[in-house]
Amino acid sequence: LEDPLKLQYVVHTSLDIVGERAKAQSASTDSAYLGLLCPVEDLHVFGYVTATQIKFLLVLDNDAVRDADVKLFLNNVHNLYVDVTSNPFTPLGGDITSTSF
């Protein structure tokens, strides 16, 4: 991405949408996948919220991606996150710097 300010704007806008969709979806289903949040120009932002309100955003510049693939990818990222944070030797509040993550 050539303009980091554009990416920052897209991510902050998407976080607002995540908050709205998470409230609406929590009452209707237990799925953590929020789907396509907002297509902005040539970018597509997908969201995922865990039961503990950890938010994952995926920003893609390729519109030829299937929704099922994105859902699987974000679910795998969530599983990796759970594995890392469940490790008793992981420092709390630190960066995740594992090469397998």
Protein backbone atom coordinates (compact mmCIF):
# COMPACT_ATOMS: atom_id res chain seq x y z
CA LEU A 1 0.00 0.00 0.00
CA GLU A 2 1.45 3.31 -1.03
CA ASP A 3 -0.31 5.59 1.45
CA PRO A 4 -0.08 4.56 5.13
CA LEU A 5 -2.60 7.26 6.11
CA LYS A 6 -5.17 5.70 3.80
CA LEU A 7 -4.63 2.32 5.45
CA GLN A 8 -4.95 3.88 8.90
CA TYR A 9 -8.20 5.57 7.86
CA VAL A 10 -9.60 2.30 6.46
CA VAL A 11 -8.68 0.36 9.61
CA HIS A 12 -10.20 2.95 11.97
CA THR A 13 -13.37 3.10 9.89
CA SER A 14 -13.55 -0.68 9.94
CA LEU A 15 -13.20 -0.78 13.72
CA ASP A 16 -16.31 1.40 14.00
CA ILE A 17 -18.19 -1.05 11.80
CA VAL A 18 -16.86 -3.99 13.85
CA GLY A 19 -18.39 -2.48 16.99
CA GLU A 20 -21.78 -2.08 15.33
CA ARG A 21 -21.82 -5.54 13.74
CA ALA A 22 -20.53 -7.31 16.84
CA LYS A 23 -23.44 -5.96 18.89
CA ALA A 24 -25.99 -6.92 16.26
CA GLN A 25 -24.48 -10.33 15.61
CA SER A 26 -23.96 -11.33 19.25
CA ALA A 27 -27.69 -11.43 19.80
CA SER A 28 -28.45 -13.43 16.68
CA THR A 29 -25.60 -15.95 16.34
CA ASP A 30 -22.46 -17.27 18.00
CA SER A 31 -20.30 -16.85 14.89
CA ALA A 32 -17.20 -14.71 15.37
CA TYR A 33 -16.75 -14.03 11.66
CA LEU A 34 -18.22 -10.67 10.65
CA GLY A 35 -17.60 -10.94 6.91
CA LEU A 36 -16.83 -8.07 4.56
CA LEU A 37 -16.92 -4.88 6.60
CA CYS A 38 -16.31 -2.22 4.00
CA PRO A 39 -14.96 -2.15 0.49
CA VAL A 40 -13.05 1.11 0.18
CA GLU A 41 -11.81 1.90 -3.32
CA ASP A 42 -9.50 -1.02 -4.09
CA LEU A 43 -9.35 -2.47 -0.54
CA HIS A 44 -11.60 -5.02 1.13
CA VAL A 45 -11.70 -5.30 4.92
CA PHE A 46 -12.93 -8.42 6.71
CA GLY A 47 -13.54 -8.70 10.44
CA TYR A 48 -13.50 -11.30 13.19
CA VAL A 49 -14.30 -10.81 16.89
CA THR A 50 -13.59 -13.36 19.59
CA ALA A 51 -15.73 -14.06 22.63
CA THR A 52 -13.30 -11.93 24.68
CA GLN A 53 -13.68 -9.00 22.24
CA ILE A 54 -10.29 -9.43 20.55
CA LYS A 55 -10.64 -8.03 17.05
CA PHE A 56 -8.88 -9.29 13.93
CA LEU A 57 -8.99 -7.30 10.71
CA LEU A 58 -7.83 -8.55 7.34
CA VAL A 59 -7.22 -5.91 4.67
CA LEU A 60 -6.92 -7.22 1.12
CA ASP A 61 -6.32 -5.45 -2.15
CA ASN A 62 -7.50 -8.45 -4.15
CA ASP A 63 -11.22 -8.72 -4.80
CA ALA A 64 -10.94 -12.25 -6.20
CA VAL A 65 -11.00 -13.90 -2.79
CA ARG A 66 -13.75 -16.23 -1.62
CA ASP A 67 -15.58 -15.53 1.62
CA ALA A 68 -15.10 -19.11 2.82
CA ASP A 69 -11.32 -18.80 2.42
CA VAL A 70 -11.23 -15.57 4.43
CA LYS A 71 -13.37 -17.12 7.16
CA LEU A 72 -11.06 -20.14 7.36
CA PHE A 73 -7.96 -17.92 7.46
CA LEU A 74 -9.31 -15.73 10.28
CA ASN A 75 -10.43 -18.79 12.21
CA ASN A 76 -6.90 -20.21 11.90
CA VAL A 77 -5.40 -16.91 13.09
CA HIS A 78 -7.73 -16.99 16.08
CA ASN A 79 -6.66 -20.56 16.90
CA LEU A 80 -2.98 -19.55 16.69
CA TYR A 81 -3.66 -16.56 18.93
CA VAL A 82 -5.33 -18.82 21.51
CA ASP A 83 -2.37 -21.22 21.40
CA VAL A 84 0.14 -18.41 21.96
CA THR A 85 -1.77 -16.67 24.73
CA SER A 86 -2.53 -19.97 26.49
CA ASN A 87 1.17 -20.67 26.84
CA PRO A 88 2.14 -19.97 30.46
CA PHE A 89 5.60 -18.79 29.35
CA THR A 90 4.26 -16.03 27.09
CA PRO A 91 4.72 -12.63 28.77
CA LEU A 92 1.43 -10.84 29.38
CA GLY A 93 0.82 -7.75 27.30
CA GLY A 94 3.90 -8.31 25.15
CA ASP A 95 4.22 -8.48 21.40
CA ILE A 96 3.74 -11.81 19.67
CA THR A 97 7.04 -12.35 17.91
CA SER A 98 6.90 -16.05 17.12
CA THR A 99 7.83 -16.96 13.56
CA SER A 100 5.01 -19.52 13.51
CA PHE A 101 2.37 -16.84 14.14
